[in-house]
Amino acid sequence: MLHSLPPDTRTLGADLRALRKSRGLTLTALADTLGKSVGWLSQVERDLSEPSISDLRAFAAALDVQIASLFSAVTAAGEDGLIVRSTARRPIGSRIAGSVEELLSPDLTDDFVMIHTTFEPQSALTEAVTRPTQEVGYVVSGQFDLWIDDTEFHLTAGDSFRIRGQSYHWANPHDAPCVIIWVIAPPVY
């Protein structure tokens, strides 16, 4: 087994630490942004202090995630950190109109995350994005237009693709939703 994390490392603090690190932020930088002390932030990341709801709002804004993604779903006994039920996925990711992203991974503490994205009909990301990641996507259903470094690709169910820190943007100009499963390393959500 590559990574064997004890259950108590799959926590809000661990997720906050993973998000902070994925954005290249130091404890000091994030603490300054939050208007909190480095000691307090360190205690939150080690689950020694519990942030308030307003603190979580500030974390979500500073880390550019939806506040709902900071709340763990309720799991059955023995499933925490191992199983994510379809009814208990956490919303995560961008706030781009027309796309809904859900975390398939149990948490953000691994070297990668799996994301389930539904792209609504007639939706698009028109401005190119570049992230310091390696991403692989698999089109589960629908059709999808993807531009990687300005090269356009038309994808359909069963196709897959890879983006290695390249510029990309997408569109679903079709009349049906498109569902894509992503594996992204390192986690950036």
Protein backbone atom coordinates (compact mmCIF):
# COMPACT_ATOMS: atom_id res chain seq x y z
CA MET A 1 0.00 0.00 0.00
CA LEU A 2 1.46 3.37 -1.03
CA HIS A 3 -0.14 5.48 1.67
CA SER A 4 -1.61 4.21 4.87
CA LEU A 5 -3.22 7.07 6.72
CA PRO A 6 -4.72 6.49 10.13
CA PRO A 7 -8.40 7.48 10.24
CA ASP A 8 -7.75 10.54 12.41
CA THR A 9 -5.73 12.22 9.61
CA ARG A 10 -8.83 12.38 7.39
CA THR A 11 -10.23 15.49 9.04
CA LEU A 12 -11.22 19.10 8.39
CA GLY A 13 -7.76 20.19 9.55
CA ALA A 14 -6.06 17.77 7.16
CA ASP A 15 -8.24 18.98 4.27
CA LEU A 16 -7.47 22.63 5.11
CA ARG A 17 -3.74 21.84 5.23
CA ALA A 18 -3.94 20.04 1.86
CA LEU A 19 -5.80 22.98 0.29
CA ARG A 20 -3.32 25.50 1.73
CA LYS A 21 -0.32 23.53 0.47
CA SER A 22 -1.87 22.95 -2.97
CA ARG A 23 -2.08 26.72 -3.35
CA GLY A 24 1.53 27.19 -2.31
CA LEU A 25 0.56 29.15 0.80
CA THR A 26 2.60 29.13 3.97
CA LEU A 27 0.98 29.06 7.39
CA THR A 28 1.99 32.71 7.78
CA ALA A 29 0.49 33.80 4.46
CA LEU A 30 -2.86 32.11 5.09
CA ALA A 31 -2.98 33.31 8.71
CA ASP A 32 -2.38 36.88 7.51
CA THR A 33 -5.16 36.56 4.93
CA LEU A 34 -7.53 35.24 7.61
CA GLY A 35 -6.46 37.85 10.16
CA LYS A 36 -5.54 35.07 12.57
CA SER A 37 -2.35 33.95 14.27
CA VAL A 38 -0.08 31.26 12.86
CA GLY A 39 -0.52 29.35 16.13
CA TRP A 40 -4.32 29.32 15.76
CA LEU A 41 -4.10 28.16 12.15
CA SER A 42 -1.62 25.44 13.07
CA GLN A 43 -3.98 24.23 15.81
CA VAL A 44 -6.91 24.16 13.35
CA GLU A 45 -4.87 22.15 10.84
CA ARG A 46 -3.94 19.68 13.59
CA ASP A 47 -7.58 19.55 14.80
CA LEU A 48 -6.70 21.01 18.18
CA SER A 49 -9.01 24.01 17.63
CA GLU A 50 -12.35 24.15 15.86
CA PRO A 51 -13.00 27.07 13.52
CA SER A 52 -16.34 28.87 13.74
CA ILE A 53 -18.76 29.09 10.81
CA SER A 54 -17.46 32.59 10.05
CA ASP A 55 -13.92 31.21 10.15
CA LEU A 56 -14.95 28.52 7.65
CA ARG A 57 -16.44 31.19 5.39
CA ALA A 58 -13.11 33.04 5.55
CA PHE A 59 -11.20 29.81 4.78
CA ALA A 60 -13.48 29.12 1.80
CA ALA A 61 -12.94 32.63 0.43
CA ALA A 62 -9.16 32.57 1.01
CA LEU A 63 -8.78 29.11 -0.54
CA ASP A 64 -11.37 29.78 -3.30
CA VAL A 65 -13.59 26.78 -2.54
CA GLN A 66 -17.26 26.42 -1.78
CA ILE A 67 -17.90 26.42 1.96
CA ALA A 68 -19.93 23.19 1.57
CA SER A 69 -16.75 21.41 0.44
CA LEU A 70 -15.30 21.92 3.93
CA PHE A 71 -18.00 19.81 5.56
CA SER A 72 -17.62 16.05 5.58
CA ALA A 73 -20.56 13.95 4.62
CA VAL A 74 -22.07 11.61 7.18
CA THR A 75 -20.76 8.10 6.65
CA ALA A 76 -21.72 4.71 8.00
CA ALA A 77 -19.59 3.07 10.67
CA GLY A 78 -16.27 1.93 9.26
CA GLU A 79 -16.65 3.87 5.98
CA ASP A 80 -15.09 7.22 6.99
CA GLY A 81 -12.06 7.93 4.81
CA LEU A 82 -12.72 4.81 2.72
CA ILE A 83 -16.13 5.02 1.02
CA VAL A 84 -18.03 7.91 -0.58
CA ARG A 85 -21.68 7.09 -1.29
CA SER A 86 -23.29 8.69 -4.35
CA THR A 87 -25.74 10.46 -2.06
CA ALA A 88 -22.98 11.87 0.15
CA ARG A 89 -20.58 13.55 -2.31
CA ARG A 90 -19.20 16.92 -1.26
CA PRO A 91 -19.59 19.81 -3.71
CA ILE A 92 -16.17 21.11 -4.67
CA GLY A 93 -14.27 23.03 -7.26
CA SER A 94 -14.92 25.97 -9.45
CA ARG A 95 -17.97 28.12 -9.35
CA ILE A 96 -18.25 28.27 -13.11
CA ALA A 97 -21.86 28.55 -14.21
CA GLY A 98 -22.96 25.41 -15.95
CA SER A 99 -20.66 22.96 -14.19
CA VAL A 100 -21.29 21.01 -11.00
CA GLU A 101 -18.30 19.34 -9.38
CA GLU A 102 -18.43 16.72 -6.65
CA LEU A 103 -15.59 15.11 -4.74
CA LEU A 104 -15.40 11.36 -5.34
CA SER A 105 -12.33 10.93 -3.12
CA PRO A 106 -13.02 10.56 0.61
CA ASP A 107 -10.93 13.68 1.37
CA LEU A 108 -8.16 15.93 0.04
CA THR A 109 -5.21 14.31 1.83
CA ASP A 110 -3.95 12.01 -0.94
CA ASP A 111 -1.55 12.83 -3.78
CA PHE A 112 -4.56 13.09 -6.14
CA VAL A 113 -8.32 13.63 -6.10
CA MET A 114 -11.15 12.21 -8.15
CA ILE A 115 -13.87 14.60 -9.25
CA HIS A 116 -17.28 13.97 -10.85
CA THR A 117 -18.23 16.92 -13.07
CA THR A 118 -21.52 17.49 -14.86
CA PHE A 119 -21.36 20.10 -17.62
CA GLU A 120 -24.82 21.46 -18.36
CA PRO A 121 -25.98 21.91 -21.98
CA GLN A 122 -24.79 25.15 -23.61
CA SER A 123 -22.17 25.82 -20.89
CA ALA A 124 -18.59 26.93 -21.47
CA LEU A 125 -15.38 28.08 -19.87
CA THR A 126 -14.32 30.68 -22.42
CA GLU A 127 -11.13 31.97 -20.80
CA ALA A 128 -8.22 29.53 -20.75
CA VAL A 129 -7.04 28.19 -17.39
CA THR A 130 -3.60 26.87 -16.51
CA ARG A 131 -3.04 24.91 -13.30
CA PRO A 132 0.14 23.34 -11.90
CA THR A 133 -1.39 19.88 -12.12
CA GLN A 134 -1.59 16.70 -14.11
CA GLU A 135 -5.21 15.90 -14.95
CA VAL A 136 -6.80 12.95 -16.67
CA GLY A 137 -10.46 12.96 -17.66
CA TYR A 138 -12.84 10.24 -18.82
CA VAL A 139 -16.08 11.17 -20.60
CA VAL A 140 -18.80 9.03 -19.03
CA SER A 141 -21.68 10.44 -21.08
CA GLY A 142 -22.46 13.23 -23.48
CA GLN A 143 -20.19 15.25 -25.75
CA PHE A 144 -17.49 17.74 -24.83
CA ASP A 145 -15.31 20.20 -26.72
CA LEU A 146 -11.88 20.73 -25.16
CA TRP A 147 -9.08 23.06 -26.18
CA ILE A 148 -5.60 22.17 -24.88
CA ASP A 149 -2.99 24.78 -25.80
CA ASP A 150 -5.41 26.10 -28.45
CA THR A 151 -5.84 22.70 -30.15
CA GLU A 152 -9.52 21.76 -30.27
CA PHE A 153 -10.69 18.23 -29.52
CA HIS A 154 -14.26 16.88 -29.84
CA LEU A 155 -14.84 14.17 -27.22
CA THR A 156 -17.69 11.70 -26.75
CA ALA A 157 -18.59 9.03 -24.22
CA GLY A 158 -15.71 6.62 -23.69
CA ASP A 159 -12.98 9.10 -24.71
CA SER A 160 -10.30 10.23 -22.29
CA PHE A 161 -7.70 13.00 -22.20
CA ARG A 162 -4.69 14.30 -20.26
CA ILE A 163 -3.65 17.85 -19.37
CA ARG A 164 -0.14 18.40 -17.96
CA GLY A 165 -0.04 21.97 -16.68
CA GLN A 166 -1.21 23.18 -20.09
CA SER A 167 -3.65 25.94 -20.86
CA TYR A 168 -7.18 24.66 -21.50
CA HIS A 169 -10.79 25.71 -21.85
CA TRP A 170 -13.96 23.80 -22.65
CA ALA A 171 -17.51 23.96 -23.95
CA ASN A 172 -20.60 21.81 -23.99
CA PRO A 173 -22.49 23.42 -26.89
CA HIS A 174 -24.74 20.38 -27.09
CA ASP A 175 -28.32 19.81 -25.89
CA ALA A 176 -27.49 17.16 -23.27
CA PRO A 177 -25.34 17.24 -20.13
CA CYS A 178 -21.83 15.82 -20.28
CA VAL A 179 -20.40 13.87 -17.33
CA ILE A 180 -16.63 13.58 -16.86
CA ILE A 181 -14.62 11.82 -14.15
CA TRP A 182 -11.32 13.59 -13.43
CA VAL A 183 -8.19 12.46 -11.61
CA ILE A 184 -6.14 15.51 -10.60
CA ALA A 185 -2.69 15.58 -9.01
CA PRO A 186 -1.87 17.30 -6.81
CA PRO A 187 -5.26 18.26 -5.34
CA VAL A 188 -6.04 21.91 -6.10
CA TYR A 189 -9.52 22.08 -4.63
